[in-house]
Amino acid sequence: MNTFTSVVTELQEYIEEHKEDIKDLDVAEAHYQLFNQDYYLIGYYNCEQWLKKHNISAFEAIKYCQDYENDNFGECRQYEDAEKVVNMLTYIVGEDILFSRK
């Protein structure tokens, strides 16, 4: 698991709030529905504030996302805005949470 404790807590609560929606899905499908079908958070300003709320610098979040992509895909994309960073970060952390529960 990663070091973003407050993010993990928030996403665990988010998953719990949506447990009825995903109860019949396998882990991969649940992850897709919760963290890939749509953005977790929308709006550049909202995403910047979310990073601040969790005391995560933009550089720390970008590095985390790029490390994940390099490890899993052998390459990474550029992150041009907070919205892409936050939603990729929640995708990764959500995956960690859900797959650790199986």
C-alpha atoms as a PDB file:
ATOM      1  CA  MET A   1       0.000   0.000   0.000  1.00  0.00           C
ATOM      2  CA  ASN A   2       1.144   3.587  -0.395  1.00  0.00           C
ATOM      3  CA  THR A   3       1.876   6.333   2.107  1.00  0.00           C
ATOM      4  CA  PHE A   4      -1.141   8.531   1.376  1.00  0.00           C
ATOM      5  CA  THR A   5      -2.981   7.607   4.570  1.00  0.00           C
ATOM      6  CA  SER A   6      -5.697  10.256   4.383  1.00  0.00           C
ATOM      7  CA  VAL A   7      -6.366   9.403   0.739  1.00  0.00           C
ATOM      8  CA  VAL A   8      -6.647   5.708   1.617  1.00  0.00           C
ATOM      9  CA  THR A   9      -9.135   6.559   4.372  1.00  0.00           C
ATOM     10  CA  GLU A  10     -11.213   8.753   2.057  1.00  0.00           C
ATOM     11  CA  LEU A  11     -11.300   6.152  -0.697  1.00  0.00           C
ATOM     12  CA  GLN A  12     -12.145   3.341   1.728  1.00  0.00           C
ATOM     13  CA  GLU A  13     -15.147   5.421   2.810  1.00  0.00           C
ATOM     14  CA  TYR A  14     -16.032   6.066  -0.847  1.00  0.00           C
ATOM     15  CA  ILE A  15     -15.891   2.338  -1.592  1.00  0.00           C
ATOM     16  CA  GLU A  16     -18.011   1.604   1.476  1.00  0.00           C
ATOM     17  CA  GLU A  17     -20.606   4.181   0.365  1.00  0.00           C
ATOM     18  CA  HIS A  18     -20.849   2.396  -3.003  1.00  0.00           C
ATOM     19  CA  LYS A  19     -20.683  -1.187  -1.766  1.00  0.00           C
ATOM     20  CA  GLU A  20     -24.267  -1.860  -2.825  1.00  0.00           C
ATOM     21  CA  ASP A  21     -23.436  -0.742  -6.392  1.00  0.00           C
ATOM     22  CA  ILE A  22     -20.467  -3.100  -6.663  1.00  0.00           C
ATOM     23  CA  LYS A  23     -21.544  -6.074  -4.535  1.00  0.00           C
ATOM     24  CA  ASP A  24     -22.077  -8.393  -7.527  1.00  0.00           C
ATOM     25  CA  LEU A  25     -18.949  -7.314  -9.432  1.00  0.00           C
ATOM     26  CA  ASP A  26     -15.518  -8.902  -9.390  1.00  0.00           C
ATOM     27  CA  VAL A  27     -12.658  -6.734  -8.146  1.00  0.00           C
ATOM     28  CA  ALA A  28     -11.544  -5.550 -11.585  1.00  0.00           C
ATOM     29  CA  GLU A  29     -15.077  -4.557 -12.574  1.00  0.00           C
ATOM     30  CA  ALA A  30     -15.633  -2.800  -9.241  1.00  0.00           C
ATOM     31  CA  HIS A  31     -12.397  -0.873  -9.698  1.00  0.00           C
ATOM     32  CA  TYR A  32     -13.409   0.111 -13.214  1.00  0.00           C
ATOM     33  CA  GLN A  33     -16.845   1.302 -12.104  1.00  0.00           C
ATOM     34  CA  LEU A  34     -15.600   3.306  -9.125  1.00  0.00           C
ATOM     35  CA  PHE A  35     -12.349   4.772 -10.426  1.00  0.00           C
ATOM     36  CA  ASN A  36     -12.189   4.532 -14.194  1.00  0.00           C
ATOM     37  CA  GLN A  37     -15.653   4.876 -15.657  1.00  0.00           C
ATOM     38  CA  ASP A  38     -15.760   8.524 -14.626  1.00  0.00           C
ATOM     39  CA  TYR A  39     -13.483  10.942 -12.833  1.00  0.00           C
ATOM     40  CA  TYR A  40     -13.435  10.717  -9.046  1.00  0.00           C
ATOM     41  CA  LEU A  41     -13.116  14.502  -8.835  1.00  0.00           C
ATOM     42  CA  ILE A  42     -13.830  17.115 -11.496  1.00  0.00           C
ATOM     43  CA  GLY A  43     -12.376  20.591 -11.885  1.00  0.00           C
ATOM     44  CA  TYR A  44      -8.820  21.866 -11.738  1.00  0.00           C
ATOM     45  CA  TYR A  45      -9.433  24.027  -8.691  1.00  0.00           C
ATOM     46  CA  ASN A  46     -11.250  21.247  -6.835  1.00  0.00           C
ATOM     47  CA  CYS A  47      -8.390  18.875  -7.540  1.00  0.00           C
ATOM     48  CA  GLU A  48      -5.761  21.387  -6.415  1.00  0.00           C
ATOM     49  CA  GLN A  49      -7.682  21.877  -3.176  1.00  0.00           C
ATOM     50  CA  TRP A  50      -8.016  18.114  -2.735  1.00  0.00           C
ATOM     51  CA  LEU A  51      -4.231  17.719  -2.970  1.00  0.00           C
ATOM     52  CA  LYS A  52      -3.804  20.488  -0.387  1.00  0.00           C
ATOM     53  CA  LYS A  53      -6.400  18.880   1.887  1.00  0.00           C
ATOM     54  CA  HIS A  54      -4.377  15.667   1.829  1.00  0.00           C
ATOM     55  CA  ASN A  55      -1.083  17.548   2.193  1.00  0.00           C
ATOM     56  CA  ILE A  56       0.253  16.165  -1.099  1.00  0.00           C
ATOM     57  CA  SER A  57       2.411  18.318  -3.337  1.00  0.00           C
ATOM     58  CA  ALA A  58       1.718  18.253  -7.052  1.00  0.00           C
ATOM     59  CA  PHE A  59       5.245  16.950  -7.631  1.00  0.00           C
ATOM     60  CA  GLU A  60       4.795  14.104  -5.158  1.00  0.00           C
ATOM     61  CA  ALA A  61       1.494  13.108  -6.786  1.00  0.00           C
ATOM     62  CA  ILE A  62       2.952  13.275 -10.305  1.00  0.00           C
ATOM     63  CA  LYS A  63       5.963  11.174  -9.314  1.00  0.00           C
ATOM     64  CA  TYR A  64       3.707   8.590  -7.694  1.00  0.00           C
ATOM     65  CA  CYS A  65       1.573   8.330 -10.841  1.00  0.00           C
ATOM     66  CA  GLN A  66       4.576   8.211 -13.162  1.00  0.00           C
ATOM     67  CA  ASP A  67       6.281   5.531 -11.059  1.00  0.00           C
ATOM     68  CA  TYR A  68       3.099   3.426 -11.254  1.00  0.00           C
ATOM     69  CA  GLU A  69       2.879   3.842 -15.032  1.00  0.00           C
ATOM     70  CA  ASN A  70       6.563   3.083 -15.565  1.00  0.00           C
ATOM     71  CA  ASP A  71       6.325  -0.028 -13.380  1.00  0.00           C
ATOM     72  CA  ASN A  72       3.151  -1.293 -15.051  1.00  0.00           C
ATOM     73  CA  PHE A  73       3.451  -0.062 -18.643  1.00  0.00           C
ATOM     74  CA  GLY A  74       7.116   0.769 -19.151  1.00  0.00           C
ATOM     75  CA  GLU A  75       6.285   4.370 -19.973  1.00  0.00           C
ATOM     76  CA  CYS A  76       4.329   7.266 -18.558  1.00  0.00           C
ATOM     77  CA  ARG A  77       2.380  10.201 -19.847  1.00  0.00           C
ATOM     78  CA  GLN A  78       2.816  13.831 -18.963  1.00  0.00           C
ATOM     79  CA  TYR A  79       0.486  15.259 -16.374  1.00  0.00           C
ATOM     80  CA  GLU A  80      -0.623  18.697 -17.471  1.00  0.00           C
ATOM     81  CA  ASP A  81      -3.174  19.532 -14.804  1.00  0.00           C
ATOM     82  CA  ALA A  82      -4.312  18.689 -11.301  1.00  0.00           C
ATOM     83  CA  GLU A  83      -7.459  16.959 -12.536  1.00  0.00           C
ATOM     84  CA  LYS A  84      -5.503  14.281 -14.408  1.00  0.00           C
ATOM     85  CA  VAL A  85      -3.091  13.823 -11.494  1.00  0.00           C
ATOM     86  CA  VAL A  86      -5.771  13.466  -8.834  1.00  0.00           C
ATOM     87  CA  ASN A  87      -7.854  11.070 -10.878  1.00  0.00           C
ATOM     88  CA  MET A  88      -4.868   8.888 -11.704  1.00  0.00           C
ATOM     89  CA  LEU A  89      -3.798   8.955  -8.061  1.00  0.00           C
ATOM     90  CA  THR A  90      -7.260   7.860  -6.908  1.00  0.00           C
ATOM     91  CA  TYR A  91      -7.278   5.188  -9.634  1.00  0.00           C
ATOM     92  CA  ILE A  92      -4.013   3.748  -8.282  1.00  0.00           C
ATOM     93  CA  VAL A  93      -4.916   3.971  -4.595  1.00  0.00           C
ATOM     94  CA  GLY A  94      -8.401   2.602  -5.294  1.00  0.00           C
ATOM     95  CA  GLU A  95      -6.823  -0.340  -7.083  1.00  0.00           C
ATOM     96  CA  ASP A  96      -4.531  -0.980  -4.113  1.00  0.00           C
ATOM     97  CA  ILE A  97      -7.457  -0.926  -1.704  1.00  0.00           C
ATOM     98  CA  LEU A  98      -9.778  -3.126  -3.720  1.00  0.00           C
ATOM     99  CA  PHE A  99      -7.214  -5.726  -4.708  1.00  0.00           C
ATOM    100  CA  SER A 100      -5.892  -5.968  -1.138  1.00  0.00           C
ATOM    101  CA  ARG A 101      -9.429  -6.914   0.003  1.00  0.00           C
ATOM    102  CA  LYS A 102      -9.824  -9.964  -2.239  1.00  0.00           C
END
